[in-house]
Amino acid sequence: EFGPEIIASPRYQHWLDSMLNQWRVALHVIVWIDAPNAVLMDRIQARSRKHRVKQESEEAVYQFLDRYRICYHQIIDNITTDSDLLVLQFDTDQEKSDQIVDKILAALN
């Protein structure tokens, strides 16, 4: 999503399709943790580490996060097509880490 221009090339697209096919075969579960944009923005700004959008406006941060989310949706949709890959999605603003872990373990059993 944020890569150089080469990612639009047919050669790159061929490589990407190949990688997605390998993931489709290798993966059994995808665990997607997310939170609302406001929560993610607060977390980015509160941590001491640098982040690409740490000093950006709310609108810019939300656009950045939405772009990532759309990209992840596209990838997950691609690799789950015609597969029995389990996708577990959690909102870390609504569920605590230990609750998420319990749900993941229950789904794996």
PDB file of N, CA and C in Angstrom:
ATOM      1  N   GLU A   1       0.814  -1.203   0.000  1.00  0.00           N
ATOM      2  CA  GLU A   1       0.000   0.000   0.000  1.00  0.00           C
ATOM      3  C   GLU A   1       0.854   1.261   0.000  1.00  0.00           C
ATOM      4  N   PHE A   2       1.966   1.221   0.704  1.00  0.00           N
ATOM      5  CA  PHE A   2       2.800   2.406   0.833  1.00  0.00           C
ATOM      6  C   PHE A   2       4.161   2.222   0.180  1.00  0.00           C
ATOM      7  N   GLY A   3       4.271   1.210  -0.652  1.00  0.00           N
ATOM      8  CA  GLY A   3       5.561   0.879  -1.235  1.00  0.00           C
ATOM      9  C   GLY A   3       5.934   1.738  -2.424  1.00  0.00           C
ATOM     10  N   PRO A   4       7.096   1.435  -3.011  1.00  0.00           N
ATOM     11  CA  PRO A   4       7.567   2.179  -4.174  1.00  0.00           C
ATOM     12  C   PRO A   4       6.743   1.848  -5.420  1.00  0.00           C
ATOM     13  N   GLU A   5       6.990   2.569  -6.484  1.00  0.00           N
ATOM     14  CA  GLU A   5       6.216   2.405  -7.725  1.00  0.00           C
ATOM     15  C   GLU A   5       6.305   0.998  -8.310  1.00  0.00           C
ATOM     16  N   ILE A   6       7.380   0.285  -8.015  1.00  0.00           N
ATOM     17  CA  ILE A   6       7.565  -1.048  -8.587  1.00  0.00           C
ATOM     18  C   ILE A   6       6.422  -1.996  -8.225  1.00  0.00           C
ATOM     19  N   ILE A   7       5.729  -1.730  -7.128  1.00  0.00           N
ATOM     20  CA  ILE A   7       4.658  -2.644  -6.724  1.00  0.00           C
ATOM     21  C   ILE A   7       3.479  -2.647  -7.697  1.00  0.00           C
ATOM     22  N   ALA A   8       3.449  -1.684  -8.593  1.00  0.00           N
ATOM     23  CA  ALA A   8       2.393  -1.661  -9.610  1.00  0.00           C
ATOM     24  C   ALA A   8       2.789  -2.449 -10.853  1.00  0.00           C
ATOM     25  N   SER A   9       4.014  -2.959 -10.907  1.00  0.00           N
ATOM     26  CA  SER A   9       4.502  -3.650 -12.100  1.00  0.00           C
ATOM     27  C   SER A   9       3.927  -5.061 -12.198  1.00  0.00           C
ATOM     28  N   PRO A  10       3.774  -5.573 -13.410  1.00  0.00           N
ATOM     29  CA  PRO A  10       3.291  -6.950 -13.591  1.00  0.00           C
ATOM     30  C   PRO A  10       4.196  -7.983 -12.912  1.00  0.00           C
ATOM     31  N   ARG A  11       5.496  -7.748 -12.931  1.00  0.00           N
ATOM     32  CA  ARG A  11       6.432  -8.691 -12.308  1.00  0.00           C
ATOM     33  C   ARG A  11       6.176  -8.772 -10.794  1.00  0.00           C
ATOM     34  N   TYR A  12       5.984  -7.621 -10.184  1.00  0.00           N
ATOM     35  CA  TYR A  12       5.703  -7.609  -8.756  1.00  0.00           C
ATOM     36  C   TYR A  12       4.359  -8.289  -8.476  1.00  0.00           C
ATOM     37  N   GLN A  13       3.351  -7.987  -9.281  1.00  0.00           N
ATOM     38  CA  GLN A  13       2.035  -8.595  -9.081  1.00  0.00           C
ATOM     39  C   GLN A  13       2.106 -10.113  -9.185  1.00  0.00           C
ATOM     40  N   HIS A  14       2.919 -10.611 -10.119  1.00  0.00           N
ATOM     41  CA  HIS A  14       3.115 -12.058 -10.250  1.00  0.00           C
ATOM     42  C   HIS A  14       3.737 -12.619  -8.966  1.00  0.00           C
ATOM     43  N   TRP A  15       4.773 -11.932  -8.456  1.00  0.00           N
ATOM     44  CA  TRP A  15       5.410 -12.359  -7.217  1.00  0.00           C
ATOM     45  C   TRP A  15       4.402 -12.338  -6.070  1.00  0.00           C
ATOM     46  N   LEU A  16       3.624 -11.266  -5.968  1.00  0.00           N
ATOM     47  CA  LEU A  16       2.644 -11.144  -4.897  1.00  0.00           C
ATOM     48  C   LEU A  16       1.618 -12.265  -4.968  1.00  0.00           C
ATOM     49  N   ASP A  17       1.116 -12.567  -6.149  1.00  0.00           N
ATOM     50  CA  ASP A  17       0.154 -13.670  -6.305  1.00  0.00           C
ATOM     51  C   ASP A  17       0.761 -14.990  -5.837  1.00  0.00           C
ATOM     52  N   SER A  18       2.023 -15.184  -6.166  1.00  0.00           N
ATOM     53  CA  SER A  18       2.729 -16.395  -5.746  1.00  0.00           C
ATOM     54  C   SER A  18       2.832 -16.454  -4.219  1.00  0.00           C
ATOM     55  N   MET A  19       3.175 -15.345  -3.600  1.00  0.00           N
ATOM     56  CA  MET A  19       3.282 -15.296  -2.137  1.00  0.00           C
ATOM     57  C   MET A  19       1.927 -15.543  -1.478  1.00  0.00           C
ATOM     58  N   LEU A  20       0.883 -14.941  -2.015  1.00  0.00           N
ATOM     59  CA  LEU A  20      -0.454 -15.132  -1.444  1.00  0.00           C
ATOM     60  C   LEU A  20      -0.886 -16.585  -1.557  1.00  0.00           C
ATOM     61  N   ASN A  21      -0.538 -17.229  -2.662  1.00  0.00           N
ATOM     62  CA  ASN A  21      -0.851 -18.654  -2.814  1.00  0.00           C
ATOM     63  C   ASN A  21      -0.092 -19.497  -1.791  1.00  0.00           C
ATOM     64  N   GLN A  22       1.160 -19.138  -1.533  1.00  0.00           N
ATOM     65  CA  GLN A  22       1.938 -19.859  -0.520  1.00  0.00           C
ATOM     66  C   GLN A  22       1.319 -19.653   0.867  1.00  0.00           C
ATOM     67  N   TRP A  23       0.899 -18.438   1.161  1.00  0.00           N
ATOM     68  CA  TRP A  23       0.248 -18.183   2.446  1.00  0.00           C
ATOM     69  C   TRP A  23      -1.039 -18.975   2.564  1.00  0.00           C
ATOM     70  N   ARG A  24      -1.788 -19.029   1.465  1.00  0.00           N
ATOM     71  CA  ARG A  24      -3.077 -19.734   1.467  1.00  0.00           C
ATOM     72  C   ARG A  24      -2.875 -21.187   1.877  1.00  0.00           C
ATOM     73  N   VAL A  25      -1.795 -21.787   1.409  1.00  0.00           N
ATOM     74  CA  VAL A  25      -1.506 -23.189   1.716  1.00  0.00           C
ATOM     75  C   VAL A  25      -0.913 -23.349   3.112  1.00  0.00           C
ATOM     76  N   ALA A  26      -0.055 -22.431   3.508  1.00  0.00           N
ATOM     77  CA  ALA A  26       0.692 -22.574   4.762  1.00  0.00           C
ATOM     78  C   ALA A  26      -0.109 -22.184   6.009  1.00  0.00           C
ATOM     79  N   LEU A  27      -0.985 -21.212   5.885  1.00  0.00           N
ATOM     80  CA  LEU A  27      -1.700 -20.703   7.054  1.00  0.00           C
ATOM     81  C   LEU A  27      -2.947 -21.518   7.357  1.00  0.00           C
ATOM     82  N   HIS A  28      -3.254 -21.600   8.629  1.00  0.00           N
ATOM     83  CA  HIS A  28      -4.489 -22.248   9.062  1.00  0.00           C
ATOM     84  C   HIS A  28      -5.399 -21.256   9.779  1.00  0.00           C
ATOM     85  N   VAL A  29      -4.782 -20.239  10.387  1.00  0.00           N
ATOM     86  CA  VAL A  29      -5.526 -19.257  11.157  1.00  0.00           C
ATOM     87  C   VAL A  29      -4.896 -17.886  10.951  1.00  0.00           C
ATOM     88  N   ILE A  30      -5.743 -16.889  10.839  1.00  0.00           N
ATOM     89  CA  ILE A  30      -5.292 -15.502  10.865  1.00  0.00           C
ATOM     90  C   ILE A  30      -5.931 -14.861  12.090  1.00  0.00           C
ATOM     91  N   VAL A  31      -5.116 -14.234  12.907  1.00  0.00           N
ATOM     92  CA  VAL A  31      -5.614 -13.498  14.063  1.00  0.00           C
ATOM     93  C   VAL A  31      -5.405 -12.024  13.756  1.00  0.00           C
ATOM     94  N   TRP A  32      -6.498 -11.319  13.640  1.00  0.00           N
ATOM     95  CA  TRP A  32      -6.456  -9.898  13.316  1.00  0.00           C
ATOM     96  C   TRP A  32      -6.901  -9.123  14.544  1.00  0.00           C
ATOM     97  N   ILE A  33      -5.963  -8.358  15.095  1.00  0.00           N
ATOM     98  CA  ILE A  33      -6.321  -7.490  16.209  1.00  0.00           C
ATOM     99  C   ILE A  33      -6.366  -6.060  15.702  1.00  0.00           C
ATOM    100  N   ASP A  34      -7.368  -5.349  16.134  1.00  0.00           N
ATOM    101  CA  ASP A  34      -7.591  -3.995  15.638  1.00  0.00           C
ATOM    102  C   ASP A  34      -8.235  -3.191  16.765  1.00  0.00           C
ATOM    103  N   ALA A  35      -8.438  -1.938  16.504  1.00  0.00           N
ATOM    104  CA  ALA A  35      -9.132  -1.043  17.435  1.00  0.00           C
ATOM    105  C   ALA A  35      -9.625   0.140  16.618  1.00  0.00           C
ATOM    106  N   PRO A  36     -10.551   0.906  17.157  1.00  0.00           N
ATOM    107  CA  PRO A  36     -11.010   2.103  16.443  1.00  0.00           C
ATOM    108  C   PRO A  36      -9.850   3.072  16.206  1.00  0.00           C
ATOM    109  N   ASN A  37      -9.988   3.862  15.166  1.00  0.00           N
ATOM    110  CA  ASN A  37      -8.927   4.810  14.801  1.00  0.00           C
ATOM    111  C   ASN A  37      -8.530   5.724  15.959  1.00  0.00           C
ATOM    112  N   ALA A  38      -9.495   6.217  16.701  1.00  0.00           N
ATOM    113  CA  ALA A  38      -9.180   7.127  17.815  1.00  0.00           C
ATOM    114  C   ALA A  38      -8.294   6.440  18.848  1.00  0.00           C
ATOM    115  N   VAL A  39      -8.573   5.186  19.124  1.00  0.00           N
ATOM    116  CA  VAL A  39      -7.785   4.432  20.093  1.00  0.00           C
ATOM    117  C   VAL A  39      -6.375   4.203  19.552  1.00  0.00           C
ATOM    118  N   LEU A  40      -6.291   3.792  18.280  1.00  0.00           N
ATOM    119  CA  LEU A  40      -4.972   3.565  17.689  1.00  0.00           C
ATOM    120  C   LEU A  40      -4.156   4.845  17.646  1.00  0.00           C
ATOM    121  N   MET A  41      -4.805   5.951  17.329  1.00  0.00           N
ATOM    122  CA  MET A  41      -4.095   7.227  17.294  1.00  0.00           C
ATOM    123  C   MET A  41      -3.556   7.574  18.690  1.00  0.00           C
ATOM    124  N   ASP A  42      -4.358   7.380  19.710  1.00  0.00           N
ATOM    125  CA  ASP A  42      -3.899   7.643  21.075  1.00  0.00           C
ATOM    126  C   ASP A  42      -2.706   6.755  21.433  1.00  0.00           C
ATOM    127  N   ARG A  43      -2.754   5.507  21.025  1.00  0.00           N
ATOM    128  CA  ARG A  43      -1.655   4.585  21.322  1.00  0.00           C
ATOM    129  C   ARG A  43      -0.378   5.005  20.588  1.00  0.00           C
ATOM    130  N   ILE A  44      -0.515   5.412  19.346  1.00  0.00           N
ATOM    131  CA  ILE A  44       0.648   5.866  18.570  1.00  0.00           C
ATOM    132  C   ILE A  44       1.269   7.085  19.232  1.00  0.00           C
ATOM    133  N   GLN A  45       0.437   8.025  19.608  1.00  0.00           N
ATOM    134  CA  GLN A  45       0.951   9.268  20.181  1.00  0.00           C
ATOM    135  C   GLN A  45       1.501   9.084  21.594  1.00  0.00           C
ATOM    136  N   ALA A  46       1.013   8.103  22.334  1.00  0.00           N
ATOM    137  CA  ALA A  46       1.445   7.897  23.713  1.00  0.00           C
ATOM    138  C   ALA A  46       2.768   7.142  23.830  1.00  0.00           C
ATOM    139  N   ARG A  47       3.110   6.389  22.828  1.00  0.00           N
ATOM    140  CA  ARG A  47       4.334   5.604  22.957  1.00  0.00           C
ATOM    141  C   ARG A  47       5.563   6.440  22.642  1.00  0.00           C
ATOM    142  N   SER A  48       6.683   6.036  23.171  1.00  0.00           N
ATOM    143  CA  SER A  48       7.906   6.814  22.994  1.00  0.00           C
ATOM    144  C   SER A  48       8.562   6.579  21.631  1.00  0.00           C
ATOM    145  N   ARG A  49       8.302   5.461  21.024  1.00  0.00           N
ATOM    146  CA  ARG A  49       8.907   5.151  19.725  1.00  0.00           C
ATOM    147  C   ARG A  49       8.354   6.044  18.628  1.00  0.00           C
ATOM    148  N   LYS A  50       9.177   6.256  17.624  1.00  0.00           N
ATOM    149  CA  LYS A  50       8.737   7.029  16.467  1.00  0.00           C
ATOM    150  C   LYS A  50       7.685   6.240  15.694  1.00  0.00           C
ATOM    151  N   HIS A  51       6.834   6.972  15.031  1.00  0.00           N
ATOM    152  CA  HIS A  51       5.837   6.360  14.141  1.00  0.00           C
ATOM    153  C   HIS A  51       5.611   7.323  12.995  1.00  0.00           C
ATOM    154  N   ARG A  52       5.406   6.765  11.846  1.00  0.00           N
ATOM    155  CA  ARG A  52       5.244   7.536  10.614  1.00  0.00           C
ATOM    156  C   ARG A  52       4.216   8.664  10.711  1.00  0.00           C
ATOM    157  N   VAL A  53       3.146   8.452  11.477  1.00  0.00           N
ATOM    158  CA  VAL A  53       2.080   9.464  11.544  1.00  0.00           C
ATOM    159  C   VAL A  53       1.939  10.087  12.933  1.00  0.00           C
ATOM    160  N   LYS A  54       2.917   9.886  13.775  1.00  0.00           N
ATOM    161  CA  LYS A  54       2.816  10.350  15.161  1.00  0.00           C
ATOM    162  C   LYS A  54       2.547  11.848  15.259  1.00  0.00           C
ATOM    163  N   GLN A  55       3.123  12.637  14.392  1.00  0.00           N
ATOM    164  CA  GLN A  55       2.976  14.087  14.458  1.00  0.00           C
ATOM    165  C   GLN A  55       1.928  14.626  13.474  1.00  0.00           C
ATOM    166  N   GLU A  56       1.183  13.747  12.849  1.00  0.00           N
ATOM    167  CA  GLU A  56       0.208  14.156  11.838  1.00  0.00           C
ATOM    168  C   GLU A  56      -1.124  14.556  12.472  1.00  0.00           C
ATOM    169  N   SER A  57      -1.951  15.188  11.669  1.00  0.00           N
ATOM    170  CA  SER A  57      -3.297  15.573  12.118  1.00  0.00           C
ATOM    171  C   SER A  57      -4.177  14.332  12.295  1.00  0.00           C
ATOM    172  N   GLU A  58      -5.262  14.498  13.011  1.00  0.00           N
ATOM    173  CA  GLU A  58      -6.205  13.395  13.198  1.00  0.00           C
ATOM    174  C   GLU A  58      -6.674  12.853  11.853  1.00  0.00           C
ATOM    175  N   GLU A  59      -7.008  13.744  10.944  1.00  0.00           N
ATOM    176  CA  GLU A  59      -7.482  13.317   9.622  1.00  0.00           C
ATOM    177  C   GLU A  59      -6.421  12.488   8.906  1.00  0.00           C
ATOM    178  N   ALA A  60      -5.175  12.920   8.948  1.00  0.00           N
ATOM    179  CA  ALA A  60      -4.095  12.196   8.274  1.00  0.00           C
ATOM    180  C   ALA A  60      -3.869  10.824   8.916  1.00  0.00           C
ATOM    181  N   VAL A  61      -3.935  10.769  10.238  1.00  0.00           N
ATOM    182  CA  VAL A  61      -3.759   9.492  10.936  1.00  0.00           C
ATOM    183  C   VAL A  61      -4.891   8.536  10.576  1.00  0.00           C
ATOM    184  N   TYR A  62      -6.116   9.026  10.587  1.00  0.00           N
ATOM    185  CA  TYR A  62      -7.267   8.182  10.255  1.00  0.00           C
ATOM    186  C   TYR A  62      -7.163   7.666   8.812  1.00  0.00           C
ATOM    187  N   GLN A  63      -6.760   8.516   7.890  1.00  0.00           N
ATOM    188  CA  GLN A  63      -6.589   8.076   6.496  1.00  0.00           C
ATOM    189  C   GLN A  63      -5.519   6.995   6.395  1.00  0.00           C
ATOM    190  N   PHE A  64      -4.420   7.189   7.084  1.00  0.00           N
ATOM    191  CA  PHE A  64      -3.333   6.213   7.112  1.00  0.00           C
ATOM    192  C   PHE A  64      -3.847   4.868   7.637  1.00  0.00           C
ATOM    193  N   LEU A  65      -4.519   4.890   8.772  1.00  0.00           N
ATOM    194  CA  LEU A  65      -5.028   3.652   9.366  1.00  0.00           C
ATOM    195  C   LEU A  65      -6.068   2.989   8.481  1.00  0.00           C
ATOM    196  N   ASP A  66      -6.939   3.788   7.871  1.00  0.00           N
ATOM    197  CA  ASP A  66      -7.957   3.233   6.974  1.00  0.00           C
ATOM    198  C   ASP A  66      -7.326   2.572   5.755  1.00  0.00           C
ATOM    199  N   ARG A  67      -6.277   3.188   5.227  1.00  0.00           N
ATOM    200  CA  ARG A  67      -5.587   2.590   4.077  1.00  0.00           C
ATOM    201  C   ARG A  67      -5.004   1.229   4.440  1.00  0.00           C
ATOM    202  N   TYR A  68      -4.368   1.144   5.606  1.00  0.00           N
ATOM    203  CA  TYR A  68      -3.838  -0.140   6.059  1.00  0.00           C
ATOM    204  C   TYR A  68      -4.954  -1.169   6.216  1.00  0.00           C
ATOM    205  N   ARG A  69      -6.038  -0.748   6.848  1.00  0.00           N
ATOM    206  CA  ARG A  69      -7.155  -1.665   7.102  1.00  0.00           C
ATOM    207  C   ARG A  69      -7.733  -2.189   5.787  1.00  0.00           C
ATOM    208  N   ILE A  70      -7.895  -1.318   4.805  1.00  0.00           N
ATOM    209  CA  ILE A  70      -8.402  -1.734   3.489  1.00  0.00           C
ATOM    210  C   ILE A  70      -7.450  -2.739   2.854  1.00  0.00           C
ATOM    211  N   CYS A  71      -6.157  -2.458   2.948  1.00  0.00           N
ATOM    212  CA  CYS A  71      -5.156  -3.356   2.382  1.00  0.00           C
ATOM    213  C   CYS A  71      -5.223  -4.733   3.054  1.00  0.00           C
ATOM    214  N   TYR A  72      -5.302  -4.737   4.384  1.00  0.00           N
ATOM    215  CA  TYR A  72      -5.406  -6.009   5.098  1.00  0.00           C
ATOM    216  C   TYR A  72      -6.669  -6.765   4.689  1.00  0.00           C
ATOM    217  N   HIS A  73      -7.787  -6.067   4.567  1.00  0.00           N
ATOM    218  CA  HIS A  73      -9.026  -6.714   4.110  1.00  0.00           C
ATOM    219  C   HIS A  73      -8.819  -7.361   2.744  1.00  0.00           C
ATOM    220  N   GLN A  74      -8.187  -6.656   1.838  1.00  0.00           N
ATOM    221  CA  GLN A  74      -7.964  -7.193   0.493  1.00  0.00           C
ATOM    222  C   GLN A  74      -7.099  -8.443   0.537  1.00  0.00           C
ATOM    223  N   ILE A  75      -6.033  -8.399   1.302  1.00  0.00           N
ATOM    224  CA  ILE A  75      -5.148  -9.566   1.405  1.00  0.00           C
ATOM    225  C   ILE A  75      -5.886 -10.749   2.018  1.00  0.00           C
ATOM    226  N   ILE A  76      -6.589 -10.492   3.118  1.00  0.00           N
ATOM    227  CA  ILE A  76      -7.302 -11.584   3.784  1.00  0.00           C
ATOM    228  C   ILE A  76      -8.399 -12.138   2.879  1.00  0.00           C
ATOM    229  N   ASP A  77      -9.133 -11.281   2.205  1.00  0.00           N
ATOM    230  CA  ASP A  77     -10.151 -11.753   1.267  1.00  0.00           C
ATOM    231  C   ASP A  77      -9.523 -12.613   0.175  1.00  0.00           C
ATOM    232  N   ASN A  78      -8.377 -12.187  -0.310  1.00  0.00           N
ATOM    233  CA  ASN A  78      -7.693 -12.935  -1.366  1.00  0.00           C
ATOM    234  C   ASN A  78      -7.295 -14.321  -0.888  1.00  0.00           C
ATOM    235  N   ILE A  79      -6.653 -14.413   0.264  1.00  0.00           N
ATOM    236  CA  ILE A  79      -6.151 -15.725   0.683  1.00  0.00           C
ATOM    237  C   ILE A  79      -7.211 -16.616   1.321  1.00  0.00           C
ATOM    238  N   THR A  80      -8.357 -16.066   1.673  1.00  0.00           N
ATOM    239  CA  THR A  80      -9.415 -16.909   2.240  1.00  0.00           C
ATOM    240  C   THR A  80     -10.406 -17.387   1.185  1.00  0.00           C
ATOM    241  N   THR A  81     -10.293 -16.868  -0.031  1.00  0.00           N
ATOM    242  CA  THR A  81     -11.165 -17.321  -1.105  1.00  0.00           C
ATOM    243  C   THR A  81     -10.871 -18.788  -1.404  1.00  0.00           C
ATOM    244  N   ASP A  82     -11.907 -19.596  -1.425  1.00  0.00           N
ATOM    245  CA  ASP A  82     -11.773 -21.026  -1.699  1.00  0.00           C
ATOM    246  C   ASP A  82     -10.836 -21.722  -0.721  1.00  0.00           C
ATOM    247  N   SER A  83     -10.871 -21.317   0.526  1.00  0.00           N
ATOM    248  CA  SER A  83     -10.066 -21.998   1.535  1.00  0.00           C
ATOM    249  C   SER A  83     -10.888 -22.100   2.811  1.00  0.00           C
ATOM    250  N   ASP A  84     -10.415 -22.943   3.706  1.00  0.00           N
ATOM    251  CA  ASP A  84     -11.096 -23.070   4.995  1.00  0.00           C
ATOM    252  C   ASP A  84     -10.292 -22.379   6.094  1.00  0.00           C
ATOM    253  N   LEU A  85      -9.531 -21.409   5.701  1.00  0.00           N
ATOM    254  CA  LEU A  85      -8.714 -20.623   6.622  1.00  0.00           C
ATOM    255  C   LEU A  85      -9.611 -19.902   7.625  1.00  0.00           C
ATOM    256  N   LEU A  86      -9.290 -20.062   8.887  1.00  0.00           N
ATOM    257  CA  LEU A  86     -10.059 -19.442   9.959  1.00  0.00           C
ATOM    258  C   LEU A  86      -9.536 -18.033  10.206  1.00  0.00           C
ATOM    259  N   VAL A  87     -10.442 -17.062  10.222  1.00  0.00           N
ATOM    260  CA  VAL A  87     -10.066 -15.683  10.523  1.00  0.00           C
ATOM    261  C   VAL A  87     -10.741 -15.280  11.821  1.00  0.00           C
ATOM    262  N   LEU A  88      -9.904 -14.947  12.807  1.00  0.00           N
ATOM    263  CA  LEU A  88     -10.394 -14.479  14.094  1.00  0.00           C
ATOM    264  C   LEU A  88     -10.069 -13.004  14.198  1.00  0.00           C
ATOM    265  N   GLN A  89     -11.078 -12.195  14.447  1.00  0.00           N
ATOM    266  CA  GLN A  89     -10.871 -10.752  14.503  1.00  0.00           C
ATOM    267  C   GLN A  89     -11.298 -10.235  15.869  1.00  0.00           C
ATOM    268  N   PHE A  90     -10.434  -9.385  16.448  1.00  0.00           N
ATOM    269  CA  PHE A  90     -10.679  -8.864  17.780  1.00  0.00           C
ATOM    270  C   PHE A  90     -10.475  -7.359  17.824  1.00  0.00           C
ATOM    271  N   ASP A  91     -11.299  -6.714  18.613  1.00  0.00           N
ATOM    272  CA  ASP A  91     -11.192  -5.284  18.870  1.00  0.00           C
ATOM    273  C   ASP A  91     -10.522  -5.135  20.226  1.00  0.00           C
ATOM    274  N   THR A  92      -9.268  -4.667  20.236  1.00  0.00           N
ATOM    275  CA  THR A  92      -8.519  -4.573  21.487  1.00  0.00           C
ATOM    276  C   THR A  92      -9.010  -3.454  22.392  1.00  0.00           C
ATOM    277  N   ASP A  93      -9.917  -2.646  21.907  1.00  0.00           N
ATOM    278  CA  ASP A  93     -10.545  -1.639  22.756  1.00  0.00           C
ATOM    279  C   ASP A  93     -11.699  -2.249  23.541  1.00  0.00           C
ATOM    280  N   GLN A  94     -12.228  -3.357  23.053  1.00  0.00           N
ATOM    281  CA  GLN A  94     -13.380  -4.002  23.679  1.00  0.00           C
ATOM    282  C   GLN A  94     -13.005  -5.237  24.490  1.00  0.00           C
ATOM    283  N   GLU A  95     -11.881  -5.868  24.126  1.00  0.00           N
ATOM    284  CA  GLU A  95     -11.490  -7.105  24.797  1.00  0.00           C
ATOM    285  C   GLU A  95     -10.058  -6.994  25.305  1.00  0.00           C
ATOM    286  N   LYS A  96      -9.829  -7.541  26.481  1.00  0.00           N
ATOM    287  CA  LYS A  96      -8.504  -7.552  27.086  1.00  0.00           C
ATOM    288  C   LYS A  96      -7.668  -8.682  26.479  1.00  0.00           C
ATOM    289  N   SER A  97      -6.376  -8.560  26.601  1.00  0.00           N
ATOM    290  CA  SER A  97      -5.451  -9.534  26.013  1.00  0.00           C
ATOM    291  C   SER A  97      -5.753 -10.960  26.451  1.00  0.00           C
ATOM    292  N   ASP A  98      -5.997 -11.155  27.740  1.00  0.00           N
ATOM    293  CA  ASP A  98      -6.247 -12.514  28.217  1.00  0.00           C
ATOM    294  C   ASP A  98      -7.550 -13.088  27.664  1.00  0.00           C
ATOM    295  N   GLN A  99      -8.543 -12.235  27.442  1.00  0.00           N
ATOM    296  CA  GLN A  99      -9.790 -12.694  26.827  1.00  0.00           C
ATOM    297  C   GLN A  99      -9.540 -13.116  25.375  1.00  0.00           C
ATOM    298  N   ILE A 100      -8.740 -12.337  24.673  1.00  0.00           N
ATOM    299  CA  ILE A 100      -8.414 -12.655  23.285  1.00  0.00           C
ATOM    300  C   ILE A 100      -7.659 -13.988  23.205  1.00  0.00           C
ATOM    301  N   VAL A 101      -6.683 -14.141  24.079  1.00  0.00           N
ATOM    302  CA  VAL A 101      -5.908 -15.390  24.099  1.00  0.00           C
ATOM    303  C   VAL A 101      -6.830 -16.575  24.371  1.00  0.00           C
ATOM    304  N   ASP A 102      -7.716 -16.442  25.334  1.00  0.00           N
ATOM    305  CA  ASP A 102      -8.654 -17.529  25.642  1.00  0.00           C
ATOM    306  C   ASP A 102      -9.507 -17.884  24.424  1.00  0.00           C
ATOM    307  N   LYS A 103      -9.985 -16.885  23.704  1.00  0.00           N
ATOM    308  CA  LYS A 103     -10.811 -17.132  22.527  1.00  0.00           C
ATOM    309  C   LYS A 103      -9.993 -17.785  21.402  1.00  0.00           C
ATOM    310  N   ILE A 104      -8.754 -17.360  21.245  1.00  0.00           N
ATOM    311  CA  ILE A 104      -7.905 -17.963  20.220  1.00  0.00           C
ATOM    312  C   ILE A 104      -7.660 -19.438  20.562  1.00  0.00           C
ATOM    313  N   LEU A 105      -7.303 -19.711  21.812  1.00  0.00           N
ATOM    314  CA  LEU A 105      -7.047 -21.092  22.221  1.00  0.00           C
ATOM    315  C   LEU A 105      -8.291 -21.951  22.068  1.00  0.00           C
ATOM    316  N   ALA A 106      -9.445 -21.400  22.414  1.00  0.00           N
ATOM    317  CA  ALA A 106     -10.707 -22.156  22.264  1.00  0.00           C
ATOM    318  C   ALA A 106     -10.969 -22.466  20.795  1.00  0.00           C
ATOM    319  N   ALA A 107     -10.701 -21.506  19.919  1.00  0.00           N
ATOM    320  CA  ALA A 107     -10.935 -21.730  18.478  1.00  0.00           C
ATOM    321  C   ALA A 107      -9.971 -22.748  17.906  1.00  0.00           C
ATOM    322  N   LEU A 108      -8.761 -22.792  18.442  1.00  0.00           N
ATOM    323  CA  LEU A 108      -7.769 -23.746  17.949  1.00  0.00           C
ATOM    324  C   LEU A 108      -8.008 -25.158  18.426  1.00  0.00           C
ATOM    325  N   ASN A 109      -8.735 -25.268  19.550  1.00  0.00           N
ATOM    326  CA  ASN A 109      -9.056 -26.607  20.063  1.00  0.00           C
ATOM    327  C   ASN A 109     -10.281 -27.082  19.360  1.00  0.00           C
TER     328      ASN A 109
END
